[in-house]
Amino acid sequence: MMIVQSKVREYVKELGDYKVGGDLLKALDEKVAKIVKLAANRAKANGRKTVSARDL
C-alpha cells in the first residue's frame, strides 16, 4: 500500500462522524499509484529524473 491507512482514517474522522470502508482504502491506493506513475512518466518525457509537483 502506498497510503497510510491510519492517517486516512484519522483524516476522515476529522471531516465528521464517518467510518472508512476497506474498499475506499483500496481504491484510494490504486488512484494514488496511477497518479504517481503518470507523474513519473511525465518527468521522464521531459528528460528529468526527479518527479516533482509540476508533474502532477
C-alpha atoms as a PDB file:
ATOM      1  CA  MET A   1       0.000   0.000   0.000  1.00  0.00           C
ATOM      2  CA  MET A   2       1.176   3.474  -0.845  1.00  0.00           C
ATOM      3  CA  ILE A   3      -1.145   5.233   1.551  1.00  0.00           C
ATOM      4  CA  VAL A   4      -1.041   5.177   5.330  1.00  0.00           C
ATOM      5  CA  GLN A   5      -4.371   3.697   6.338  1.00  0.00           C
ATOM      6  CA  SER A   6      -4.340   5.120   9.847  1.00  0.00           C
ATOM      7  CA  LYS A   7      -3.773   8.645   8.505  1.00  0.00           C
ATOM      8  CA  VAL A   8      -6.639   8.305   6.029  1.00  0.00           C
ATOM      9  CA  ARG A   9      -8.945   7.042   8.769  1.00  0.00           C
ATOM     10  CA  GLU A  10      -7.854   9.882  11.065  1.00  0.00           C
ATOM     11  CA  TYR A  11      -8.476  12.490   8.367  1.00  0.00           C
ATOM     12  CA  VAL A  12     -11.911  11.110   7.501  1.00  0.00           C
ATOM     13  CA  LYS A  13     -12.842  11.190  11.179  1.00  0.00           C
ATOM     14  CA  GLU A  14     -11.803  14.870  11.323  1.00  0.00           C
ATOM     15  CA  LEU A  15     -14.255  15.568   8.487  1.00  0.00           C
ATOM     16  CA  GLY A  16     -17.162  14.276  10.503  1.00  0.00           C
ATOM     17  CA  ASP A  17     -18.614  11.218  12.166  1.00  0.00           C
ATOM     18  CA  TYR A  18     -17.654   8.855   9.335  1.00  0.00           C
ATOM     19  CA  LYS A  19     -16.217   5.374   9.114  1.00  0.00           C
ATOM     20  CA  VAL A  20     -13.874   4.188   6.376  1.00  0.00           C
ATOM     21  CA  GLY A  21     -14.750   1.169   4.269  1.00  0.00           C
ATOM     22  CA  GLY A  22     -11.984  -1.147   3.170  1.00  0.00           C
ATOM     23  CA  ASP A  23     -12.958  -0.585  -0.451  1.00  0.00           C
ATOM     24  CA  LEU A  24     -12.202   3.136  -0.069  1.00  0.00           C
ATOM     25  CA  LEU A  25      -8.644   2.440   1.048  1.00  0.00           C
ATOM     26  CA  LYS A  26      -8.009   0.046  -1.842  1.00  0.00           C
ATOM     27  CA  ALA A  27      -9.491   2.436  -4.421  1.00  0.00           C
ATOM     28  CA  LEU A  28      -7.574   5.389  -2.999  1.00  0.00           C
ATOM     29  CA  ASP A  29      -4.331   3.414  -3.060  1.00  0.00           C
ATOM     30  CA  GLU A  30      -4.889   2.452  -6.705  1.00  0.00           C
ATOM     31  CA  LYS A  31      -5.666   6.043  -7.637  1.00  0.00           C
ATOM     32  CA  VAL A  32      -2.521   7.343  -5.909  1.00  0.00           C
ATOM     33  CA  ALA A  33      -0.402   4.716  -7.680  1.00  0.00           C
ATOM     34  CA  LYS A  34      -1.822   5.794 -11.070  1.00  0.00           C
ATOM     35  CA  ILE A  35      -1.175   9.465 -10.345  1.00  0.00           C
ATOM     36  CA  VAL A  36       2.415   8.797  -9.285  1.00  0.00           C
ATOM     37  CA  LYS A  37       3.045   6.645 -12.367  1.00  0.00           C
ATOM     38  CA  LEU A  38       1.703   9.362 -14.674  1.00  0.00           C
ATOM     39  CA  ALA A  39       3.860  11.958 -12.933  1.00  0.00           C
ATOM     40  CA  ALA A  40       6.960   9.776 -13.291  1.00  0.00           C
ATOM     41  CA  ASN A  41       6.234   9.254 -16.987  1.00  0.00           C
ATOM     42  CA  ARG A  42       5.882  12.997 -17.463  1.00  0.00           C
ATOM     43  CA  ALA A  43       9.194  13.669 -15.729  1.00  0.00           C
ATOM     44  CA  LYS A  44      10.869  11.051 -17.913  1.00  0.00           C
ATOM     45  CA  ALA A  45       9.332  12.533 -21.081  1.00  0.00           C
ATOM     46  CA  ASN A  46      10.777  15.894 -20.088  1.00  0.00           C
ATOM     47  CA  GLY A  47      14.256  14.408 -19.600  1.00  0.00           C
ATOM     48  CA  ARG A  48      14.237  14.634 -15.803  1.00  0.00           C
ATOM     49  CA  LYS A  49      14.871  12.006 -13.155  1.00  0.00           C
ATOM     50  CA  THR A  50      13.176  13.971 -10.411  1.00  0.00           C
ATOM     51  CA  VAL A  51       9.407  13.716 -10.131  1.00  0.00           C
ATOM     52  CA  SER A  52       8.024  16.956  -8.737  1.00  0.00           C
ATOM     53  CA  ALA A  53       4.720  18.683  -8.091  1.00  0.00           C
ATOM     54  CA  ARG A  54       4.708  20.183 -11.579  1.00  0.00           C
ATOM     55  CA  ASP A  55       4.415  16.658 -12.986  1.00  0.00           C
ATOM     56  CA  LEU A  56       1.007  16.265 -11.414  1.00  0.00           C
END
